[in-house]
Amino acid sequence: MKKDDFILKEFMYDAFDLKSHLKEFLSIEEADLDKFLKNAKMDLASLHPGNSLSETEEFYEKIVGDKHLADLAAWHISSKDYINDTLKLQQRFSRNLVLDFGGGIGTHALANAMSPKVEHVFFVDINQTNRNFVEYRANKLGLENKLTFCKTIQETEISKFDTIICLDVLEHLSDPSFQLEVFHEIMDSNSIGLFNWYFYKGEKNEYPFHVDDLKIVEQFFKTLQSKFVEVFHPIIITTRSYKKN
């Protein structure tokens, strides 16, 4: 079996042993974990302080705690087919030095670390709980030598990345256009960025932490179109692939 196929098979089997890692990391019984995951989305939404929140980044850095782990884990477990397709996509492009920006519970960073085409993965996430959890997972999976954990891109001390992964993050930033410009700066002509976004708060405000301001969204697409050229891929998912314009 090819290494890429093995990685996908392992993810589809148990999401890289995700539930076991959560149980151990949170010191929680399985029955309590199942309840924790079942209520994850609304538990996270209920934490949002509404209009008093000045920066969406602050919500993820200081407020969410382990509720964000539960929300992400529930999504990755219940949507394995979709997540599996995003892993297939990064297998097409990931190589050498990889930046996983806002990597959450680490699914994509761990899969990249398993790839022989990837030299090293820099996992960047502003949330300390997320960084601690993914570092724990990397150690459990024997991948600790291929991952570095940082709060910011600057902490990586890398000037150019060959691959940038930024999935389900841009809609949480107060200035997503600025983040695109940062990505553009740390890519060279051969680099590939894999990005997606969801600028929508939901039908029942279940995503109150998503940005949907029309001016911000419009500026985002103007920046995207001026800085990047889309690279075609045949997988029917929301994630798109880009090179520098």
Protein backbone atom coordinates (compact mmCIF):
# COMPACT_ATOMS: atom_id res chain seq x y z
CA MET A 1 0.00 0.00 0.00
CA LYS A 2 1.29 3.47 -0.91
CA LYS A 3 2.11 5.79 1.99
CA ASP A 4 -0.55 8.31 0.93
CA ASP A 5 -3.20 5.58 0.83
CA PHE A 6 -2.12 4.33 4.25
CA ILE A 7 -2.48 7.82 5.74
CA LEU A 8 -6.01 8.18 4.35
CA LYS A 9 -6.97 4.71 5.57
CA GLU A 10 -5.73 5.53 9.08
CA PHE A 11 -7.71 8.76 9.13
CA MET A 12 -10.92 7.08 7.96
CA TYR A 13 -10.51 4.35 10.59
CA ASP A 14 -10.32 6.52 13.70
CA ALA A 15 -9.24 10.06 12.68
CA PHE A 16 -5.69 9.25 13.81
CA ASP A 17 -6.94 7.88 17.15
CA LEU A 18 -8.66 11.19 17.90
CA LYS A 19 -11.20 10.05 20.51
CA SER A 20 -8.57 8.15 22.45
CA HIS A 21 -6.31 11.19 22.44
CA LEU A 22 -9.16 13.41 23.65
CA LYS A 23 -10.07 11.04 26.47
CA GLU A 24 -6.50 10.95 27.72
CA PHE A 25 -5.73 14.64 27.21
CA LEU A 26 -8.94 15.81 28.92
CA SER A 27 -8.99 12.99 31.50
CA ILE A 28 -12.61 12.25 30.63
CA GLU A 29 -14.69 9.08 30.50
CA GLU A 30 -16.02 7.92 27.12
CA ALA A 31 -19.68 8.54 28.02
CA ASP A 32 -18.86 12.08 29.11
CA LEU A 33 -16.75 12.59 26.00
CA ASP A 34 -19.63 11.56 23.74
CA LYS A 35 -21.90 14.10 25.46
CA PHE A 36 -19.14 16.72 25.24
CA LEU A 37 -18.84 16.16 21.48
CA LYS A 38 -22.61 16.02 20.89
CA ASN A 39 -23.13 19.49 22.39
CA ALA A 40 -19.90 20.96 21.07
CA LYS A 41 -21.17 23.40 18.44
CA MET A 42 -23.76 25.14 20.61
CA ASP A 43 -21.52 25.05 23.69
CA LEU A 44 -18.89 26.96 21.74
CA ALA A 45 -21.43 29.40 20.30
CA SER A 46 -22.81 30.12 23.78
CA LEU A 47 -19.39 31.37 24.89
CA HIS A 48 -19.41 34.22 22.40
CA PRO A 49 -19.81 37.56 24.22
CA GLY A 50 -21.63 39.27 21.35
CA ASN A 51 -20.93 42.87 20.42
CA SER A 52 -18.57 43.34 23.36
CA LEU A 53 -15.95 41.31 21.52
CA SER A 54 -13.57 43.74 19.83
CA GLU A 55 -11.40 41.17 18.03
CA THR A 56 -12.47 37.71 16.85
CA GLU A 57 -8.90 36.49 17.41
CA GLU A 58 -9.32 37.27 21.11
CA PHE A 59 -12.21 34.82 21.27
CA TYR A 60 -10.04 31.94 20.09
CA GLU A 61 -6.96 32.90 22.06
CA LYS A 62 -8.48 33.62 25.48
CA ILE A 63 -12.09 32.42 25.72
CA VAL A 64 -12.77 29.11 23.99
CA GLY A 65 -10.64 26.73 26.08
CA ASP A 66 -11.34 23.06 25.47
CA LYS A 67 -14.78 23.87 23.97
CA HIS A 68 -12.98 24.56 20.69
CA LEU A 69 -11.29 21.15 20.82
CA ALA A 70 -14.70 19.52 21.20
CA ASP A 71 -16.23 21.50 18.34
CA LEU A 72 -13.38 20.68 15.97
CA ALA A 73 -13.26 17.03 17.03
CA ALA A 74 -17.00 16.59 16.53
CA TRP A 75 -16.68 18.09 13.04
CA HIS A 76 -13.72 15.92 12.06
CA ILE A 77 -15.39 12.74 13.34
CA SER A 78 -18.83 13.39 11.82
CA SER A 79 -17.49 14.67 8.48
CA LYS A 80 -14.76 12.16 7.75
CA ASP A 81 -15.50 11.90 4.03
CA TYR A 82 -15.16 15.64 3.55
CA ILE A 83 -12.05 15.91 5.72
CA ASN A 84 -10.58 12.93 3.88
CA ASP A 85 -10.94 14.83 0.61
CA THR A 86 -9.04 17.79 2.06
CA LEU A 87 -6.28 15.36 3.04
CA LYS A 88 -6.24 14.01 -0.52
CA LEU A 89 -5.86 17.56 -1.75
CA GLN A 90 -2.93 18.40 0.50
CA GLN A 91 -1.27 15.16 -0.55
CA ARG A 92 -1.25 16.53 -4.11
CA PHE A 93 0.62 19.68 -3.14
CA SER A 94 2.34 19.40 0.27
CA ARG A 95 6.13 19.22 0.21
CA ASN A 96 9.23 20.27 2.13
CA LEU A 97 8.48 23.06 4.64
CA VAL A 98 4.77 23.28 5.50
CA LEU A 99 2.96 25.98 7.46
CA ASP A 100 -0.33 24.86 9.01
CA PHE A 101 -1.90 28.14 10.08
CA GLY A 102 -4.69 27.85 12.66
CA GLY A 103 -4.29 24.08 12.67
CA GLY A 104 -6.91 23.32 15.34
CA ILE A 105 -6.84 19.69 16.49
CA GLY A 106 -4.02 18.86 14.10
CA THR A 107 -5.56 16.47 11.56
CA HIS A 108 -3.91 18.11 8.56
CA ALA A 109 -0.62 18.82 10.32
CA LEU A 110 -0.32 15.21 11.49
CA ALA A 111 -1.15 13.87 8.03
CA ASN A 112 1.47 16.13 6.49
CA ALA A 113 4.02 15.05 9.09
CA MET A 114 3.38 11.42 8.05
CA SER A 115 4.18 12.23 4.41
CA PRO A 116 7.68 11.43 3.09
CA LYS A 117 7.38 14.46 0.79
CA VAL A 118 7.23 16.80 3.78
CA GLU A 119 10.43 17.80 5.56
CA HIS A 120 8.85 19.62 8.51
CA VAL A 121 5.48 21.01 9.60
CA PHE A 122 5.17 24.26 11.52
CA PHE A 123 1.89 24.19 13.42
CA VAL A 124 0.75 27.73 14.24
CA ASP A 125 -2.29 28.37 16.42
CA ILE A 126 -3.00 31.23 18.81
CA ASN A 127 -4.83 28.90 21.21
CA GLN A 128 -2.50 27.31 23.77
CA THR A 129 -4.88 24.40 24.41
CA ASN A 130 -4.85 23.50 20.72
CA ARG A 131 -1.06 23.64 20.57
CA ASN A 132 -0.74 21.48 23.67
CA PHE A 133 -3.23 18.93 22.37
CA VAL A 134 -1.62 18.56 18.96
CA GLU A 135 1.83 18.29 20.52
CA TYR A 136 0.41 15.54 22.74
CA ARG A 137 -1.01 13.79 19.66
CA ALA A 138 2.28 14.11 17.77
CA ASN A 139 4.11 12.43 20.64
CA LYS A 140 1.55 9.62 20.81
CA LEU A 141 1.89 9.03 17.06
CA GLY A 142 5.69 9.22 17.02
CA LEU A 143 5.76 12.39 14.90
CA GLU A 144 7.28 14.81 17.38
CA ASN A 145 10.49 15.26 15.34
CA LYS A 146 8.59 16.53 12.30
CA LEU A 147 6.47 19.19 14.00
CA THR A 148 7.22 22.54 15.62
CA PHE A 149 4.52 24.36 17.59
CA CYS A 150 4.24 28.15 17.54
CA LYS A 151 1.77 30.85 18.49
CA THR A 152 2.67 33.10 15.54
CA ILE A 153 4.25 32.76 12.11
CA GLN A 154 7.13 34.96 13.28
CA GLU A 155 8.04 32.37 15.92
CA THR A 156 8.76 29.79 13.20
CA GLU A 157 11.76 31.88 12.03
CA ILE A 158 11.10 30.63 8.47
CA SER A 159 11.13 33.25 5.71
CA LYS A 160 9.54 31.14 2.95
CA PHE A 161 7.27 28.10 3.05
CA ASP A 162 6.77 25.59 0.24
CA THR A 163 3.19 24.83 1.29
CA ILE A 164 0.68 26.78 3.37
CA ILE A 165 -2.44 25.15 4.79
CA CYS A 166 -5.13 27.51 6.11
CA LEU A 167 -8.49 25.76 6.47
CA ASP A 168 -11.58 27.08 8.29
CA VAL A 169 -9.61 29.99 9.71
CA LEU A 170 -9.92 33.09 7.52
CA GLU A 171 -13.58 33.66 8.42
CA HIS A 172 -12.55 34.01 12.07
CA LEU A 173 -10.08 36.84 11.50
CA SER A 174 -10.99 40.51 11.87
CA ASP A 175 -8.84 41.32 8.81
CA PRO A 176 -8.62 38.25 6.54
CA SER A 177 -7.22 40.35 3.69
CA PHE A 178 -4.17 41.18 5.77
CA GLN A 179 -3.63 37.48 6.41
CA LEU A 180 -3.63 36.82 2.67
CA GLU A 181 -0.95 39.47 2.26
CA VAL A 182 1.13 37.77 4.95
CA PHE A 183 0.80 34.45 3.15
CA HIS A 184 1.79 36.09 -0.13
CA GLU A 185 4.94 37.47 1.52
CA ILE A 186 6.10 34.07 2.82
CA MET A 187 5.47 32.18 -0.43
CA ASP A 188 7.84 32.01 -3.38
CA SER A 189 6.98 31.36 -7.03
CA ASN A 190 6.82 27.59 -6.50
CA SER A 191 4.84 27.63 -3.26
CA ILE A 192 1.22 26.48 -3.04
CA GLY A 193 -1.39 27.72 -0.58
CA LEU A 194 -4.50 25.74 0.26
CA PHE A 195 -7.23 28.05 1.59
CA ASN A 196 -10.94 28.00 2.33
CA TRP A 197 -13.38 30.31 4.10
CA TYR A 198 -17.01 30.59 5.23
CA PHE A 199 -18.07 34.19 5.78
CA TYR A 200 -21.48 33.33 7.22
CA LYS A 201 -22.92 33.36 10.75
CA GLY A 202 -25.43 30.57 10.06
CA GLU A 203 -29.22 30.44 9.83
CA LYS A 204 -29.58 30.39 13.63
CA ASN A 205 -26.42 32.32 14.48
CA GLU A 206 -24.69 29.05 15.26
CA TYR A 207 -21.44 30.62 13.99
CA PRO A 208 -21.46 33.99 15.80
CA PHE A 209 -17.66 34.04 15.68
CA HIS A 210 -17.56 34.16 11.84
CA VAL A 211 -16.96 37.46 10.08
CA ASP A 212 -19.67 38.46 7.59
CA ASP A 213 -19.20 42.21 7.21
CA LEU A 214 -19.72 42.98 3.52
CA LYS A 215 -16.84 45.47 3.27
CA ILE A 216 -14.41 43.04 4.89
CA VAL A 217 -15.55 40.19 2.65
CA GLU A 218 -15.35 42.30 -0.50
CA GLN A 219 -11.84 43.47 0.36
CA PHE A 220 -10.86 39.86 1.00
CA PHE A 221 -11.85 38.81 -2.50
CA LYS A 222 -10.15 41.83 -4.06
CA THR A 223 -6.93 40.91 -2.28
CA LEU A 224 -7.27 37.25 -3.21
CA GLN A 225 -7.75 38.10 -6.89
CA SER A 226 -4.87 40.56 -7.01
CA LYS A 227 -2.31 38.49 -5.10
CA PHE A 228 -3.00 34.90 -6.18
CA VAL A 229 -3.78 32.71 -9.16
CA GLU A 230 -5.89 29.62 -8.61
CA VAL A 231 -4.33 26.26 -9.46
CA PHE A 232 -6.91 23.78 -10.67
CA HIS A 233 -7.59 20.60 -8.76
CA PRO A 234 -10.36 18.08 -9.46
CA ILE A 235 -11.58 17.44 -5.90
CA ILE A 236 -15.05 18.88 -5.28
CA ILE A 237 -14.59 20.59 -1.91
CA THR A 238 -14.51 24.18 -0.67
CA THR A 239 -10.71 24.31 -0.38
CA ARG A 240 -8.95 25.94 -3.31
CA SER A 241 -5.28 25.86 -4.28
CA TYR A 242 -3.26 28.97 -5.13
CA LYS A 243 0.13 30.20 -6.26
CA LYS A 244 1.45 33.75 -6.13
CA ASN A 245 0.29 36.09 -8.86
